[in-house]
Protein backbone atom coordinates (compact mmCIF):
# COMPACT_ATOMS: atom_id res chain seq x y z
CA MET A 1 -147.65 107.86 34.90
CA THR A 2 -145.76 109.21 37.88
CA ASP A 3 -148.03 110.37 40.68
CA ASP A 4 -147.55 112.03 44.07
CA THR A 5 -147.41 108.69 45.90
CA ASP A 6 -144.30 107.78 43.86
CA LEU A 7 -142.50 110.76 45.40
CA LYS A 8 -143.46 110.30 49.05
CA ASP A 9 -140.36 108.29 50.08
CA LEU A 10 -137.82 110.40 48.17
CA SER A 11 -136.01 112.72 50.58
CA ILE A 12 -132.75 113.20 48.65
CA LEU A 13 -134.23 114.34 45.33
CA GLY A 14 -134.65 118.10 45.56
CA GLY A 15 -132.74 118.12 48.86
CA GLY A 16 -129.12 118.40 49.94
CA ASN A 17 -125.96 117.39 48.17
CA GLU A 18 -124.01 115.50 50.82
CA PRO A 19 -122.49 112.10 50.03
CA GLY A 20 -124.17 109.13 51.69
CA ARG A 21 -124.78 105.42 51.39
CA LYS A 22 -128.58 105.64 51.21
CA LEU A 23 -130.07 104.42 47.93
CA GLU A 24 -133.61 105.69 47.48
CA THR A 25 -136.12 103.97 45.25
CA PHE A 26 -139.52 104.61 43.73
CA PRO A 27 -142.26 102.26 42.45
CA ASN A 28 -141.93 100.49 39.11
CA HIS A 29 -145.35 100.81 37.49
CA PRO A 30 -144.88 98.32 34.64
CA CYS A 31 -143.57 95.68 37.08
CA ASP A 32 -145.15 92.89 35.01
CA ARG A 33 -142.78 93.68 32.13
CA ASP A 34 -139.09 92.83 31.88
CA TYR A 35 -136.95 95.74 30.72
CA ILE A 36 -133.37 96.76 31.38
CA VAL A 37 -132.36 99.98 33.12
CA THR A 38 -128.78 101.08 32.40
CA LEU A 39 -126.98 103.69 34.50
CA THR A 40 -123.43 104.81 33.76
CA SER A 41 -120.95 107.13 35.42
CA ASP A 42 -117.37 107.86 34.43
CA GLU A 43 -116.78 109.94 37.56
CA PHE A 44 -116.40 107.23 40.22
CA THR A 45 -113.42 107.65 42.54
CA CYS A 46 -112.08 105.82 45.56
CA LEU A 47 -108.69 105.32 47.17
CA CYS A 48 -106.20 102.48 47.23
CA PRO A 49 -106.59 101.01 50.75
CA LYS A 50 -102.81 100.64 51.14
CA THR A 51 -101.27 103.70 49.46
CA GLY A 52 -104.15 106.18 49.58
CA GLN A 53 -103.63 106.95 45.90
CA PRO A 54 -106.80 107.81 43.98
CA ASP A 55 -108.43 105.28 41.68
CA PHE A 56 -110.82 106.30 38.91
CA ALA A 57 -113.48 104.14 37.30
CA ALA A 58 -116.38 104.07 34.93
CA ILE A 59 -119.28 102.25 36.58
CA THR A 60 -122.07 100.69 34.55
CA ILE A 61 -125.16 99.31 36.27
CA GLU A 62 -127.73 97.26 34.41
CA TYR A 63 -130.78 95.76 36.06
CA VAL A 64 -134.22 94.37 35.39
CA PRO A 65 -136.44 95.98 38.02
CA ASP A 66 -139.13 94.17 39.92
CA GLU A 67 -141.17 96.48 42.15
CA ARG A 68 -138.59 99.27 42.73
CA ILE A 69 -136.36 101.57 40.62
CA VAL A 70 -133.28 103.38 41.95
CA GLU A 71 -133.49 107.18 42.09
CA SER A 72 -130.48 108.58 40.20
CA LYS A 73 -129.55 111.48 42.50
CA SER A 74 -129.30 109.12 45.46
CA LEU A 75 -127.05 106.92 43.31
CA LYS A 76 -124.83 109.92 42.48
CA LEU A 77 -124.44 110.77 46.18
CA TYR A 78 -123.88 107.08 46.97
CA PHE A 79 -121.00 106.99 44.45
CA TRP A 80 -119.60 110.20 45.94
CA SER A 81 -119.45 108.54 49.38
CA PHE A 82 -116.60 106.33 48.12
CA ARG A 83 -114.38 109.28 47.14
CA ASN A 84 -112.28 109.14 50.33
CA GLU A 85 -112.79 105.42 51.02
CA GLY A 86 -109.89 102.99 50.82
CA VAL A 87 -111.23 99.92 49.03
CA PHE A 88 -110.03 97.28 46.59
CA HIS A 89 -111.64 97.36 43.14
CA GLU A 90 -113.10 93.89 43.46
CA HIS A 91 -114.66 94.73 46.82
CA VAL A 92 -116.23 98.00 45.71
CA ALA A 93 -117.91 96.43 42.65
CA ASN A 94 -119.44 93.71 44.81
CA MET A 95 -120.41 96.19 47.53
CA ILE A 96 -122.28 98.32 44.98
CA LEU A 97 -124.03 95.21 43.67
CA ASP A 98 -125.01 94.06 47.17
CA ASP A 99 -126.37 97.51 48.09
CA LEU A 100 -128.39 97.72 44.87
CA VAL A 101 -129.82 94.24 45.36
CA GLU A 102 -130.79 95.10 48.95
CA ALA A 103 -132.48 98.37 47.91
CA LEU A 104 -134.15 97.15 44.72
CA GLU A 105 -134.70 93.40 45.00
CA PRO A 106 -134.31 93.31 41.19
CA ARG A 107 -134.95 90.34 38.93
CA TRP A 108 -131.39 90.67 37.62
CA CYS A 109 -128.54 93.13 38.17
CA ARG A 110 -124.98 93.58 36.93
CA VAL A 111 -122.33 96.09 38.01
CA VAL A 112 -119.25 96.63 35.87
CA ALA A 113 -116.46 98.67 37.42
CA ASP A 114 -113.87 99.56 34.78
CA PHE A 115 -110.91 101.09 36.61
CA GLY A 116 -108.28 103.21 34.88
CA VAL A 117 -104.74 102.06 34.28
CA ARG A 118 -102.38 102.33 37.23
CA GLY A 119 -98.93 100.79 37.23
CA GLY A 120 -99.53 99.54 33.69
CA ILE A 121 -102.53 97.41 34.68
CA SER A 122 -106.22 98.12 34.27
CA ILE A 123 -108.83 96.20 36.24
CA SER A 124 -112.41 95.57 35.23
CA VAL A 125 -114.75 93.84 37.68
CA ASP A 126 -118.09 92.41 36.54
CA ALA A 127 -120.39 91.37 39.42
CA GLU A 128 -123.81 89.87 38.73
CA TYR A 129 -126.96 88.90 40.64
CA ASN A 130 -129.67 86.56 39.33
CA TRP A 131 -132.94 86.26 41.19
CA ASP A 132 -134.19 82.69 41.00
CA GLY A 133 -137.62 83.31 42.52
CA ASN A 134 -136.78 81.29 45.62
CA ASP A 135 -135.40 84.11 47.77
């Protein structure tokens, strides 16, 4: 069960609502079991780095946690921090993956960024991390 020590490092949950790049985590109690956590958002926005036009995406994160689990409000504010950021689709998907891997040190993680059609072309980026036990 969740206990008070699980909450001690969570400063965003129950706090402010400002965008930021800090991903908070809490302990995974059944860390000896493999299971998949899936998080989805269809409200991701960023900007084209050249034109400044808005880009919209559905982001799906799947991961097998090891010792840490991402706290969802911090993830929401993390996504929000990209709203006025000029970034290519391929870069943002990999940046999200890298930040999740750094915060969670998961056994496995995948980020799928499915961007809406613009100029007749849609882009979907699938970035994946596999822990091999040798890191």
